[in-house]
Amino acid sequence: MTSGIRFAAAVLILTAACFAQEGLTVGAKGKQTWPAAEAQKIYRSANAVVQREFSANLSVAPSVMLVLGPDKNEVEVGQQEIRLKKWDRNAFAQAQIFQ
């Protein structure tokens, strides 16, 4: 599947499942730290990109849970979770687009 089709599919899933909910929640295992302001900025930026790309008249701000500290990095689209072993702004930004 090309990246454009994957991107469009992810956005459609995001749009259909998440319009009524909004916000970023962060949970950390152990003594994980993250820059809260930076995480919120990336979250809002990714949502704005999706909204601009598809000329959506509605605000795109899905409810997303960022979990820091699991054994591996992964995205659980059905659960609206992004799991990162440790804070990584690039990995979070990429995962946010597919969430």
N, C-alpha and C. Protein backbone atom coordinates (compact mmCIF):
# COMPACT_ATOMS: atom_id res chain seq x y z
N MET A 1 0.84 -1.17 0.00
CA MET A 1 0.00 0.00 0.00
C MET A 1 0.90 1.24 0.00
N THR A 2 0.62 2.21 -0.83
CA THR A 2 1.46 3.41 -0.86
C THR A 2 1.23 4.24 0.39
N SER A 3 2.20 5.11 0.66
CA SER A 3 2.09 5.91 1.87
C SER A 3 0.89 6.86 1.81
N GLY A 4 0.55 7.36 0.63
CA GLY A 4 -0.61 8.24 0.51
C GLY A 4 -1.92 7.54 0.84
N ILE A 5 -2.05 6.30 0.39
CA ILE A 5 -3.27 5.54 0.68
C ILE A 5 -3.31 5.19 2.16
N ARG A 6 -2.17 4.81 2.73
CA ARG A 6 -2.13 4.52 4.17
C ARG A 6 -2.50 5.76 4.97
N PHE A 7 -1.97 6.90 4.56
CA PHE A 7 -2.26 8.15 5.25
C PHE A 7 -3.76 8.45 5.19
N ALA A 8 -4.34 8.33 4.01
CA ALA A 8 -5.77 8.59 3.84
C ALA A 8 -6.61 7.63 4.68
N ALA A 9 -6.24 6.36 4.68
CA ALA A 9 -6.98 5.38 5.48
C ALA A 9 -6.90 5.71 6.96
N ALA A 10 -5.72 6.09 7.41
CA ALA A 10 -5.55 6.44 8.83
C ALA A 10 -6.39 7.66 9.18
N VAL A 11 -6.42 8.62 8.29
CA VAL A 11 -7.20 9.83 8.55
C VAL A 11 -8.69 9.53 8.59
N LEU A 12 -9.15 8.68 7.69
CA LEU A 12 -10.57 8.32 7.70
C LEU A 12 -10.95 7.60 8.99
N ILE A 13 -10.10 6.71 9.44
CA ILE A 13 -10.34 6.02 10.71
C ILE A 13 -10.35 7.02 11.84
N LEU A 14 -9.36 7.89 11.85
CA LEU A 14 -9.26 8.92 12.87
C LEU A 14 -10.50 9.80 12.88
N THR A 15 -10.91 10.26 11.72
CA THR A 15 -12.04 11.16 11.61
C THR A 15 -13.34 10.48 12.05
N ALA A 16 -13.56 9.28 11.58
CA ALA A 16 -14.81 8.58 11.91
C ALA A 16 -14.92 8.24 13.38
N ALA A 17 -13.82 7.87 13.98
CA ALA A 17 -13.87 7.38 15.36
C ALA A 17 -13.74 8.44 16.43
N CYS A 18 -13.23 9.62 16.07
CA CYS A 18 -12.76 10.51 17.12
C CYS A 18 -13.35 11.92 17.17
N PHE A 19 -14.30 12.27 16.35
CA PHE A 19 -14.77 13.64 16.35
C PHE A 19 -15.36 14.08 17.69
N ALA A 20 -16.03 13.19 18.38
CA ALA A 20 -16.72 13.57 19.62
C ALA A 20 -15.78 13.69 20.81
N GLN A 21 -14.59 13.15 20.70
CA GLN A 21 -13.66 13.16 21.82
C GLN A 21 -12.48 14.04 21.47
N GLU A 22 -11.81 14.56 22.48
CA GLU A 22 -10.61 15.31 22.19
C GLU A 22 -9.68 15.28 23.38
N GLY A 23 -8.40 15.45 23.09
CA GLY A 23 -7.43 15.59 24.15
C GLY A 23 -6.33 14.56 24.12
N LEU A 24 -5.23 14.95 24.70
CA LEU A 24 -4.06 14.08 24.85
C LEU A 24 -3.88 13.78 26.32
N THR A 25 -3.79 12.50 26.64
CA THR A 25 -3.53 12.05 28.00
C THR A 25 -2.23 11.28 27.98
N VAL A 26 -1.40 11.50 28.99
CA VAL A 26 -0.11 10.81 29.05
C VAL A 26 -0.04 9.99 30.32
N GLY A 27 0.35 8.75 30.17
CA GLY A 27 0.59 7.87 31.31
C GLY A 27 2.02 7.36 31.22
N ALA A 28 2.71 7.30 32.33
CA ALA A 28 4.11 6.88 32.30
C ALA A 28 4.35 5.80 33.34
N LYS A 29 5.09 4.77 32.92
CA LYS A 29 5.50 3.71 33.84
C LYS A 29 6.86 4.09 34.41
N GLY A 30 7.02 3.91 35.70
CA GLY A 30 8.30 4.23 36.32
C GLY A 30 8.52 5.73 36.40
N LYS A 31 9.76 6.14 36.20
CA LYS A 31 10.13 7.55 36.33
C LYS A 31 10.33 8.20 34.97
N GLN A 32 9.48 7.83 34.02
CA GLN A 32 9.55 8.44 32.69
C GLN A 32 9.21 9.93 32.79
N THR A 33 9.93 10.74 32.03
CA THR A 33 9.63 12.16 31.95
C THR A 33 9.41 12.52 30.49
N TRP A 34 8.67 13.59 30.28
CA TRP A 34 8.40 14.08 28.93
C TRP A 34 8.08 15.56 29.04
N PRO A 35 8.38 16.30 28.00
CA PRO A 35 8.03 17.73 28.00
C PRO A 35 6.55 17.89 27.63
N ALA A 36 5.72 18.15 28.61
CA ALA A 36 4.27 18.21 28.40
C ALA A 36 3.89 19.26 27.35
N ALA A 37 4.52 20.42 27.39
CA ALA A 37 4.19 21.48 26.43
C ALA A 37 4.54 21.04 25.00
N GLU A 38 5.67 20.37 24.84
CA GLU A 38 6.08 19.90 23.52
C GLU A 38 5.12 18.82 23.01
N ALA A 39 4.72 17.91 23.88
CA ALA A 39 3.78 16.85 23.48
C ALA A 39 2.46 17.46 23.02
N GLN A 40 1.95 18.44 23.75
CA GLN A 40 0.70 19.11 23.35
C GLN A 40 0.87 19.85 22.02
N LYS A 41 2.02 20.47 21.83
CA LYS A 41 2.27 21.20 20.58
C LYS A 41 2.29 20.24 19.39
N ILE A 42 2.94 19.10 19.54
CA ILE A 42 2.98 18.10 18.48
C ILE A 42 1.59 17.56 18.22
N TYR A 43 0.84 17.29 19.27
CA TYR A 43 -0.54 16.80 19.15
C TYR A 43 -1.39 17.77 18.34
N ARG A 44 -1.35 19.05 18.72
CA ARG A 44 -2.15 20.06 18.01
C ARG A 44 -1.68 20.24 16.57
N SER A 45 -0.38 20.20 16.36
CA SER A 45 0.18 20.36 15.02
C SER A 45 -0.25 19.23 14.09
N ALA A 46 -0.17 17.99 14.58
CA ALA A 46 -0.58 16.84 13.77
C ALA A 46 -2.06 16.92 13.42
N ASN A 47 -2.88 17.34 14.37
CA ASN A 47 -4.32 17.49 14.11
C ASN A 47 -4.56 18.57 13.06
N ALA A 48 -3.81 19.67 13.12
CA ALA A 48 -3.96 20.75 12.15
C ALA A 48 -3.57 20.30 10.76
N VAL A 49 -2.52 19.47 10.66
CA VAL A 49 -2.08 18.96 9.36
C VAL A 49 -3.19 18.11 8.74
N VAL A 50 -3.77 17.22 9.53
CA VAL A 50 -4.85 16.37 9.03
C VAL A 50 -6.03 17.23 8.59
N GLN A 51 -6.38 18.21 9.39
CA GLN A 51 -7.51 19.07 9.07
C GLN A 51 -7.26 19.85 7.78
N ARG A 52 -6.05 20.41 7.62
CA ARG A 52 -5.72 21.15 6.39
C ARG A 52 -5.69 20.25 5.18
N GLU A 53 -5.12 19.06 5.34
CA GLU A 53 -4.96 18.13 4.22
C GLU A 53 -6.31 17.74 3.62
N PHE A 54 -7.30 17.59 4.46
CA PHE A 54 -8.60 17.15 4.00
C PHE A 54 -9.65 18.25 4.04
N SER A 55 -9.22 19.47 4.24
CA SER A 55 -10.11 20.63 4.25
C SER A 55 -11.34 20.38 5.11
N ALA A 56 -11.12 19.79 6.25
CA ALA A 56 -12.22 19.48 7.16
C ALA A 56 -12.74 20.76 7.81
N ASN A 57 -14.03 20.94 7.80
CA ASN A 57 -14.65 22.09 8.45
C ASN A 57 -14.77 21.87 9.95
N LEU A 58 -14.76 20.62 10.35
CA LEU A 58 -14.85 20.29 11.77
C LEU A 58 -13.45 20.21 12.37
N SER A 59 -13.36 20.49 13.63
CA SER A 59 -12.08 20.40 14.33
C SER A 59 -11.67 18.94 14.48
N VAL A 60 -10.42 18.66 14.22
CA VAL A 60 -9.89 17.31 14.38
C VAL A 60 -9.05 17.30 15.65
N ALA A 61 -9.58 16.69 16.69
CA ALA A 61 -8.87 16.63 17.97
C ALA A 61 -9.28 15.35 18.70
N PRO A 62 -8.77 14.20 18.25
CA PRO A 62 -9.17 12.94 18.86
C PRO A 62 -8.58 12.75 20.26
N SER A 63 -9.23 11.91 21.01
CA SER A 63 -8.71 11.52 22.31
C SER A 63 -7.61 10.49 22.09
N VAL A 64 -6.42 10.79 22.59
CA VAL A 64 -5.27 9.91 22.39
C VAL A 64 -4.57 9.72 23.73
N MET A 65 -4.18 8.49 24.01
CA MET A 65 -3.44 8.17 25.22
C MET A 65 -2.01 7.85 24.82
N LEU A 66 -1.06 8.60 25.34
CA LEU A 66 0.36 8.33 25.14
C LEU A 66 0.84 7.58 26.37
N VAL A 67 1.36 6.38 26.16
CA VAL A 67 1.86 5.56 27.26
C VAL A 67 3.38 5.47 27.11
N LEU A 68 4.09 5.92 28.12
CA LEU A 68 5.55 5.86 28.11
C LEU A 68 6.03 4.74 29.02
N GLY A 69 6.97 3.93 28.51
CA GLY A 69 7.56 2.89 29.34
C GLY A 69 7.24 1.45 29.00
N PRO A 70 6.44 1.14 27.96
CA PRO A 70 6.20 -0.28 27.66
C PRO A 70 7.45 -0.91 27.03
N ASP A 71 7.37 -2.20 26.74
CA ASP A 71 8.53 -2.93 26.21
C ASP A 71 8.88 -2.58 24.77
N LYS A 72 7.89 -2.11 24.00
CA LYS A 72 8.18 -1.77 22.60
C LYS A 72 7.31 -0.60 22.16
N ASN A 73 7.76 0.10 21.10
CA ASN A 73 6.99 1.19 20.51
C ASN A 73 5.91 0.59 19.62
N GLU A 74 4.67 1.07 19.78
CA GLU A 74 3.59 0.60 18.93
C GLU A 74 2.41 1.56 19.00
N VAL A 75 1.54 1.45 18.00
CA VAL A 75 0.31 2.23 17.95
C VAL A 75 -0.85 1.26 17.97
N GLU A 76 -1.78 1.47 18.88
CA GLU A 76 -3.00 0.67 18.97
C GLU A 76 -4.15 1.56 18.52
N VAL A 77 -4.48 1.49 17.22
CA VAL A 77 -5.49 2.37 16.65
C VAL A 77 -6.85 2.15 17.31
N GLY A 78 -7.25 0.92 17.51
CA GLY A 78 -8.55 0.63 18.12
C GLY A 78 -8.68 1.16 19.53
N GLN A 79 -7.59 1.19 20.25
CA GLN A 79 -7.60 1.68 21.63
C GLN A 79 -7.18 3.14 21.72
N GLN A 80 -6.82 3.73 20.59
CA GLN A 80 -6.35 5.11 20.51
C GLN A 80 -5.18 5.36 21.46
N GLU A 81 -4.21 4.43 21.42
CA GLU A 81 -3.02 4.53 22.25
C GLU A 81 -1.77 4.56 21.40
N ILE A 82 -0.83 5.39 21.84
CA ILE A 82 0.51 5.42 21.29
C ILE A 82 1.42 4.99 22.42
N ARG A 83 2.17 3.92 22.21
CA ARG A 83 3.05 3.40 23.25
C ARG A 83 4.51 3.58 22.81
N LEU A 84 5.27 4.29 23.64
CA LEU A 84 6.68 4.52 23.36
C LEU A 84 7.52 4.08 24.55
N LYS A 85 8.64 3.40 24.26
CA LYS A 85 9.53 2.96 25.33
C LYS A 85 10.01 4.16 26.15
N LYS A 86 10.31 5.26 25.46
CA LYS A 86 10.68 6.50 26.12
C LYS A 86 10.24 7.65 25.23
N TRP A 87 10.19 8.86 25.76
CA TRP A 87 9.75 10.01 24.99
C TRP A 87 10.66 10.20 23.78
N ASP A 88 10.04 10.31 22.62
CA ASP A 88 10.74 10.56 21.36
C ASP A 88 9.81 11.41 20.51
N ARG A 89 10.15 12.69 20.34
CA ARG A 89 9.25 13.62 19.64
C ARG A 89 8.95 13.17 18.22
N ASN A 90 9.94 12.63 17.52
CA ASN A 90 9.71 12.20 16.13
C ASN A 90 8.79 10.98 16.07
N ALA A 91 9.03 10.02 16.93
CA ALA A 91 8.17 8.83 16.95
C ALA A 91 6.74 9.20 17.33
N PHE A 92 6.58 10.11 18.29
CA PHE A 92 5.25 10.55 18.69
C PHE A 92 4.53 11.26 17.55
N ALA A 93 5.23 12.14 16.85
CA ALA A 93 4.63 12.88 15.73
C ALA A 93 4.18 11.92 14.63
N GLN A 94 5.01 10.96 14.29
CA GLN A 94 4.65 9.98 13.25
C GLN A 94 3.47 9.13 13.69
N ALA A 95 3.49 8.69 14.91
CA ALA A 95 2.40 7.85 15.43
C ALA A 95 1.10 8.65 15.51
N GLN A 96 1.19 9.91 15.86
CA GLN A 96 0.00 10.76 16.00
C GLN A 96 -0.74 10.87 14.67
N ILE A 97 -0.01 10.95 13.57
CA ILE A 97 -0.65 11.07 12.25
C ILE A 97 -1.45 9.79 11.96
N PHE A 98 -0.95 8.63 12.37
CA PHE A 98 -1.64 7.38 12.09
C PHE A 98 -2.67 7.02 13.15
N GLN A 99 -2.71 7.76 14.22
CA GLN A 99 -3.69 7.52 15.27
C GLN A 99 -5.00 8.05 14.82
